[in-house]
PDB file of N, CA and C in Angstrom:
ATOM      1  N   ASN A   1      96.475  11.948 110.965  1.00  0.00           N
ATOM      2  CA  ASN A   1      96.346  11.035 109.844  1.00  0.00           C
ATOM      3  C   ASN A   1      97.095  11.620 108.647  1.00  0.00           C
ATOM      4  N   LYS A   2      98.062  10.879 108.152  1.00  0.00           N
ATOM      5  CA  LYS A   2      98.898  11.370 107.049  1.00  0.00           C
ATOM      6  C   LYS A   2      98.071  11.633 105.792  1.00  0.00           C
ATOM      7  N   GLU A   3      97.120  10.754 105.493  1.00  0.00           N
ATOM      8  CA  GLU A   3      96.274  10.943 104.306  1.00  0.00           C
ATOM      9  C   GLU A   3      95.486  12.243 104.409  1.00  0.00           C
ATOM     10  N   GLU A   4      94.956  12.541 105.588  1.00  0.00           N
ATOM     11  CA  GLU A   4      94.215  13.792 105.788  1.00  0.00           C
ATOM     12  C   GLU A   4      95.124  15.000 105.586  1.00  0.00           C
ATOM     13  N   GLU A   5      96.357  14.915 106.081  1.00  0.00           N
ATOM     14  CA  GLU A   5      97.298  16.025 105.909  1.00  0.00           C
ATOM     15  C   GLU A   5      97.596  16.266 104.438  1.00  0.00           C
ATOM     16  N   GLU A   6      97.792  15.187 103.686  1.00  0.00           N
ATOM     17  CA  GLU A   6      98.063  15.329 102.259  1.00  0.00           C
ATOM     18  C   GLU A   6      96.862  15.920 101.538  1.00  0.00           C
ATOM     19  N   LEU A   7      95.667  15.478 101.903  1.00  0.00           N
ATOM     20  CA  LEU A   7      94.464  16.004 101.269  1.00  0.00           C
ATOM     21  C   LEU A   7      94.262  17.470 101.597  1.00  0.00           C
ATOM     22  N   SER A   8      94.550  17.845 102.832  1.00  0.00           N
ATOM     23  CA  SER A   8      94.312  19.236 103.218  1.00  0.00           C
ATOM     24  C   SER A   8      95.201  20.189 102.446  1.00  0.00           C
ATOM     25  N   SER A   9      96.332  19.706 101.984  1.00  0.00           N
ATOM     26  CA  SER A   9      97.205  20.585 101.222  1.00  0.00           C
ATOM     27  C   SER A   9      96.762  20.712  99.770  1.00  0.00           C
ATOM     28  N   ARG A  10      95.807  19.904  99.372  1.00  0.00           N
ATOM     29  CA  ARG A  10      95.389  19.904  97.976  1.00  0.00           C
ATOM     30  C   ARG A  10      93.915  20.204  97.767  1.00  0.00           C
ATOM     31  N   ASN A  11      93.101  20.038  98.775  1.00  0.00           N
ATOM     32  CA  ASN A  11      91.673  20.319  98.642  1.00  0.00           C
ATOM     33  C   ASN A  11      91.402  21.697  99.234  1.00  0.00           C
ATOM     34  N   ILE A  12      91.185  22.651  98.357  1.00  0.00           N
ATOM     35  CA  ILE A  12      91.031  24.044  98.762  1.00  0.00           C
ATOM     36  C   ILE A  12      89.607  24.485  98.461  1.00  0.00           C
ATOM     37  N   ASP A  13      88.971  25.076  99.428  1.00  0.00           N
ATOM     38  CA  ASP A  13      87.598  25.530  99.277  1.00  0.00           C
ATOM     39  C   ASP A  13      87.562  27.047  99.245  1.00  0.00           C
ATOM     40  N   GLY A  14      86.646  27.585  98.483  1.00  0.00           N
ATOM     41  CA  GLY A  14      86.487  29.027  98.400  1.00  0.00           C
ATOM     42  C   GLY A  14      85.284  29.365  97.540  1.00  0.00           C
ATOM     43  N   PRO A  15      84.990  30.639  97.387  1.00  0.00           N
ATOM     44  CA  PRO A  15      83.850  31.055  96.581  1.00  0.00           C
ATOM     45  C   PRO A  15      84.014  30.577  95.130  1.00  0.00           C
ATOM     46  N   TRP A  16      82.955  30.066  94.557  1.00  0.00           N
ATOM     47  CA  TRP A  16      82.991  29.494  93.219  1.00  0.00           C
ATOM     48  C   TRP A  16      83.645  30.398  92.176  1.00  0.00           C
ATOM     49  N   PRO A  17      83.261  31.666  92.049  1.00  0.00           N
ATOM     50  CA  PRO A  17      83.881  32.473  90.986  1.00  0.00           C
ATOM     51  C   PRO A  17      85.397  32.600  91.153  1.00  0.00           C
ATOM     52  N   MET A  18      85.846  32.753  92.399  1.00  0.00           N
ATOM     53  CA  MET A  18      87.277  32.892  92.644  1.00  0.00           C
ATOM     54  C   MET A  18      87.998  31.584  92.345  1.00  0.00           C
ATOM     55  N   MET A  19      87.427  30.469  92.765  1.00  0.00           N
ATOM     56  CA  MET A  19      88.051  29.172  92.514  1.00  0.00           C
ATOM     57  C   MET A  19      88.122  28.889  91.011  1.00  0.00           C
ATOM     58  N   GLU A  20      87.065  29.216  90.301  1.00  0.00           N
ATOM     59  CA  GLU A  20      87.045  28.979  88.856  1.00  0.00           C
ATOM     60  C   GLU A  20      88.063  29.855  88.136  1.00  0.00           C
ATOM     61  N   LEU A  21      88.254  31.044  88.609  1.00  0.00           N
ATOM     62  CA  LEU A  21      89.206  31.957  87.992  1.00  0.00           C
ATOM     63  C   LEU A  21      90.653  31.568  88.309  1.00  0.00           C
ATOM     64  N   LEU A  22      90.941  31.301  89.572  1.00  0.00           N
ATOM     65  CA  LEU A  22      92.309  31.038  90.000  1.00  0.00           C
ATOM     66  C   LEU A  22      92.740  29.576  89.878  1.00  0.00           C
ATOM     67  N   LEU A  23      91.794  28.659  90.038  1.00  0.00           N
ATOM     68  CA  LEU A  23      92.090  27.226  89.974  1.00  0.00           C
ATOM     69  C   LEU A  23      91.040  26.535  89.098  1.00  0.00           C
ATOM     70  N   PRO A  24      91.084  26.722  87.794  1.00  0.00           N
ATOM     71  CA  PRO A  24      90.044  26.179  86.906  1.00  0.00           C
ATOM     72  C   PRO A  24      90.058  24.655  86.828  1.00  0.00           C
ATOM     73  N   CYS A  25      88.976  24.111  86.345  1.00  0.00           N
ATOM     74  CA  CYS A  25      88.830  22.650  86.139  1.00  0.00           C
ATOM     75  C   CYS A  25      89.012  21.873  87.441  1.00  0.00           C
ATOM     76  N   ALA A  26      88.562  22.449  88.530  1.00  0.00           N
ATOM     77  CA  ALA A  26      88.569  21.791  89.845  1.00  0.00           C
ATOM     78  C   ALA A  26      89.967  21.392  90.308  1.00  0.00           C
ATOM     79  N   THR A  27      90.994  22.133  89.912  1.00  0.00           N
ATOM     80  CA  THR A  27      92.340  21.803  90.392  1.00  0.00           C
ATOM     81  C   THR A  27      92.466  22.010  91.896  1.00  0.00           C
ATOM     82  N   ASN A  28      91.522  22.735  92.490  1.00  0.00           N
ATOM     83  CA  ASN A  28      91.539  22.892  93.944  1.00  0.00           C
ATOM     84  C   ASN A  28      91.103  21.608  94.664  1.00  0.00           C
ATOM     85  N   TYR A  29      90.651  20.603  93.920  1.00  0.00           N
ATOM     86  CA  TYR A  29      90.310  19.296  94.500  1.00  0.00           C
ATOM     87  C   TYR A  29      91.268  18.225  93.988  1.00  0.00           C
ATOM     88  N   HIS A  30      92.535  18.583  93.940  1.00  0.00           N
ATOM     89  CA  HIS A  30      93.565  17.698  93.416  1.00  0.00           C
ATOM     90  C   HIS A  30      93.699  16.419  94.248  1.00  0.00           C
ATOM     91  N   GLY A  31      93.577  16.537  95.552  1.00  0.00           N
ATOM     92  CA  GLY A  31      93.663  15.366  96.422  1.00  0.00           C
ATOM     93  C   GLY A  31      92.552  14.380  96.154  1.00  0.00           C
ATOM     94  N   VAL A  32      91.346  14.864  95.950  1.00  0.00           N
ATOM     95  CA  VAL A  32      90.197  13.999  95.649  1.00  0.00           C
ATOM     96  C   VAL A  32      90.436  13.294  94.321  1.00  0.00           C
ATOM     97  N   HIS A  33      90.991  14.020  93.366  1.00  0.00           N
ATOM     98  CA  HIS A  33      91.277  13.421  92.057  1.00  0.00           C
ATOM     99  C   HIS A  33      92.187  12.203  92.194  1.00  0.00           C
ATOM    100  N   HIS A  34      93.179  12.273  93.078  1.00  0.00           N
ATOM    101  CA  HIS A  34      94.085  11.145  93.248  1.00  0.00           C
ATOM    102  C   HIS A  34      93.426   9.987  93.991  1.00  0.00           C
ATOM    103  N   LEU A  35      92.461  10.271  94.830  1.00  0.00           N
ATOM    104  CA  LEU A  35      91.726   9.191  95.502  1.00  0.00           C
ATOM    105  C   LEU A  35      90.740   8.516  94.558  1.00  0.00           C
ATOM    106  N   TYR A  36      90.126   9.309  93.683  1.00  0.00           N
ATOM    107  CA  TYR A  36      89.098   8.809  92.768  1.00  0.00           C
ATOM    108  C   TYR A  36      89.412   9.274  91.345  1.00  0.00           C
ATOM    109  N   PRO A  37      90.437   8.714  90.711  1.00  0.00           N
ATOM    110  CA  PRO A  37      90.888   9.229  89.410  1.00  0.00           C
ATOM    111  C   PRO A  37      89.891   9.066  88.268  1.00  0.00           C
ATOM    112  N   LYS A  38      88.932   8.165  88.391  1.00  0.00           N
ATOM    113  CA  LYS A  38      87.977   7.947  87.295  1.00  0.00           C
ATOM    114  C   LYS A  38      86.805   8.928  87.320  1.00  0.00           C
ATOM    115  N   ILE A  39      86.686   9.689  88.383  1.00  0.00           N
ATOM    116  CA  ILE A  39      85.586  10.653  88.485  1.00  0.00           C
ATOM    117  C   ILE A  39      85.956  11.912  87.700  1.00  0.00           C
ATOM    118  N   PRO A  40      85.045  12.377  86.823  1.00  0.00           N
ATOM    119  CA  PRO A  40      85.332  13.590  86.048  1.00  0.00           C
ATOM    120  C   PRO A  40      85.554  14.797  86.959  1.00  0.00           C
ATOM    121  N   PHE A  41      86.387  15.725  86.515  1.00  0.00           N
ATOM    122  CA  PHE A  41      86.754  16.879  87.343  1.00  0.00           C
ATOM    123  C   PHE A  41      85.548  17.677  87.815  1.00  0.00           C
ATOM    124  N   TYR A  42      84.488  17.728  87.013  1.00  0.00           N
ATOM    125  CA  TYR A  42      83.329  18.533  87.386  1.00  0.00           C
ATOM    126  C   TYR A  42      82.485  17.896  88.491  1.00  0.00           C
ATOM    127  N   HIS A  43      82.815  16.674  88.920  1.00  0.00           N
ATOM    128  CA  HIS A  43      82.115  16.046  90.044  1.00  0.00           C
ATOM    129  C   HIS A  43      82.970  15.992  91.311  1.00  0.00           C
ATOM    130  N   LEU A  44      84.206  16.469  91.235  1.00  0.00           N
ATOM    131  CA  LEU A  44      85.110  16.339  92.380  1.00  0.00           C
ATOM    132  C   LEU A  44      84.625  17.108  93.608  1.00  0.00           C
ATOM    133  N   ARG A  45      84.073  18.279  93.403  1.00  0.00           N
ATOM    134  CA  ARG A  45      83.578  19.068  94.545  1.00  0.00           C
ATOM    135  C   ARG A  45      82.485  18.304  95.286  1.00  0.00           C
ATOM    136  N   LYS A  46      81.575  17.727  94.528  1.00  0.00           N
ATOM    137  CA  LYS A  46      80.474  16.967  95.124  1.00  0.00           C
ATOM    138  C   LYS A  46      81.007  15.771  95.914  1.00  0.00           C
ATOM    139  N   VAL A  47      81.982  15.070  95.374  1.00  0.00           N
ATOM    140  CA  VAL A  47      82.578  13.924  96.058  1.00  0.00           C
ATOM    141  C   VAL A  47      83.239  14.375  97.356  1.00  0.00           C
ATOM    142  N   CYS A  48      83.941  15.486  97.300  1.00  0.00           N
ATOM    143  CA  CYS A  48      84.616  16.006  98.483  1.00  0.00           C
ATOM    144  C   CYS A  48      83.610  16.267  99.603  1.00  0.00           C
ATOM    145  N   TYR A  49      82.474  16.857  99.259  1.00  0.00           N
ATOM    146  CA  TYR A  49      81.458  17.144 100.274  1.00  0.00           C
ATOM    147  C   TYR A  49      80.734  15.885 100.730  1.00  0.00           C
ATOM    148  N   GLN A  50      80.447  14.969  99.817  1.00  0.00           N
ATOM    149  CA  GLN A  50      79.760  13.730 100.185  1.00  0.00           C
ATOM    150  C   GLN A  50      80.600  12.865 101.108  1.00  0.00           C
ATOM    151  N   LYS A  51      81.894  12.782 100.826  1.00  0.00           N
ATOM    152  CA  LYS A  51      82.794  11.955 101.632  1.00  0.00           C
ATOM    153  C   LYS A  51      83.291  12.697 102.865  1.00  0.00           C
ATOM    154  N   LYS A  52      82.954  13.986 102.978  1.00  0.00           N
ATOM    155  CA  LYS A  52      83.378  14.821 104.098  1.00  0.00           C
ATOM    156  C   LYS A  52      84.902  14.823 104.244  1.00  0.00           C
ATOM    157  N   LEU A  53      85.581  14.988 103.108  1.00  0.00           N
ATOM    158  CA  LEU A  53      87.037  15.041 103.113  1.00  0.00           C
ATOM    159  C   LEU A  53      87.506  16.400 103.602  1.00  0.00           C
ATOM    160  N   HIS A  54      88.642  16.392 104.238  1.00  0.00           N
ATOM    161  CA  HIS A  54      89.199  17.621 104.803  1.00  0.00           C
ATOM    162  C   HIS A  54      89.639  18.570 103.689  1.00  0.00           C
ATOM    163  N   LYS A  55      89.365  19.833 103.885  1.00  0.00           N
ATOM    164  CA  LYS A  55      89.813  20.858 102.936  1.00  0.00           C
ATOM    165  C   LYS A  55      90.148  22.118 103.712  1.00  0.00           C
ATOM    166  N   VAL A  56      90.945  22.971 103.100  1.00  0.00           N
ATOM    167  CA  VAL A  56      91.304  24.240 103.721  1.00  0.00           C
ATOM    168  C   VAL A  56      90.733  25.369 102.873  1.00  0.00           C
ATOM    169  N   SER A  57      90.584  26.522 103.483  1.00  0.00           N
ATOM    170  CA  SER A  57      90.100  27.678 102.727  1.00  0.00           C
ATOM    171  C   SER A  57      91.218  28.189 101.833  1.00  0.00           C
ATOM    172  N   TYR A  58      90.843  28.936 100.822  1.00  0.00           N
ATOM    173  CA  TYR A  58      91.835  29.494  99.907  1.00  0.00           C
ATOM    174  C   TYR A  58      92.810  30.385 100.668  1.00  0.00           C
ATOM    175  N   ARG A  59      92.293  31.152 101.595  1.00  0.00           N
ATOM    176  CA  ARG A  59      93.132  32.045 102.411  1.00  0.00           C
ATOM    177  C   ARG A  59      94.155  31.240 103.222  1.00  0.00           C
ATOM    178  N   GLU A  60      93.690  30.147 103.837  1.00  0.00           N
ATOM    179  CA  GLU A  60      94.606  29.293 104.607  1.00  0.00           C
ATOM    180  C   GLU A  60      95.676  28.684 103.704  1.00  0.00           C
ATOM    181  N   ALA A  61      95.292  28.253 102.507  1.00  0.00           N
ATOM    182  CA  ALA A  61      96.243  27.639 101.581  1.00  0.00           C
ATOM    183  C   ALA A  61      97.322  28.637 101.177  1.00  0.00           C
ATOM    184  N   ILE A  62      96.930  29.860 100.886  1.00  0.00           N
ATOM    185  CA  ILE A  62      97.911  30.892 100.517  1.00  0.00           C
ATOM    186  C   ILE A  62      98.824  31.192 101.699  1.00  0.00           C
ATOM    187  N   ARG A  63      98.247  31.295 102.892  1.00  0.00           N
ATOM    188  CA  ARG A  63      99.036  31.559 104.091  1.00  0.00           C
ATOM    189  C   ARG A  63     100.071  30.460 104.313  1.00  0.00           C
ATOM    190  N   GLU A  64      99.669  29.182 104.147  1.00  0.00           N
ATOM    191  CA  GLU A  64     100.604  28.075 104.308  1.00  0.00           C
ATOM    192  C   GLU A  64     101.689  28.109 103.247  1.00  0.00           C
ATOM    193  N   LEU A  65     101.320  28.485 102.043  1.00  0.00           N
ATOM    194  CA  LEU A  65     102.274  28.566 100.937  1.00  0.00           C
ATOM    195  C   LEU A  65     103.340  29.623 101.191  1.00  0.00           C
ATOM    196  N   LEU A  66     102.945  30.747 101.774  1.00  0.00           N
ATOM    197  CA  LEU A  66     103.858  31.860 102.000  1.00  0.00           C
ATOM    198  C   LEU A  66     104.703  31.702 103.260  1.00  0.00           C
ATOM    199  N   ASN A  67     104.313  30.803 104.145  1.00  0.00           N
ATOM    200  CA  ASN A  67     105.087  30.589 105.384  1.00  0.00           C
ATOM    201  C   ASN A  67     106.214  29.637 105.182  1.00  0.00           C
TER     202      ASN A  67
END
């Protein structure tokens, strides 16, 4: 599914302190933001989990970026 592939490149999951430090204001849920632009950034994580949207770990995202 092309939509899932696009989301997986933008929805990154990881430990809260690390995500807040490296990707503040929920930028790790960029794909969700484009699906639901009216939802405030601080609710994007909850939406991602409620809708069971695909996400990758921070480690996987970095690995894909470097390959």
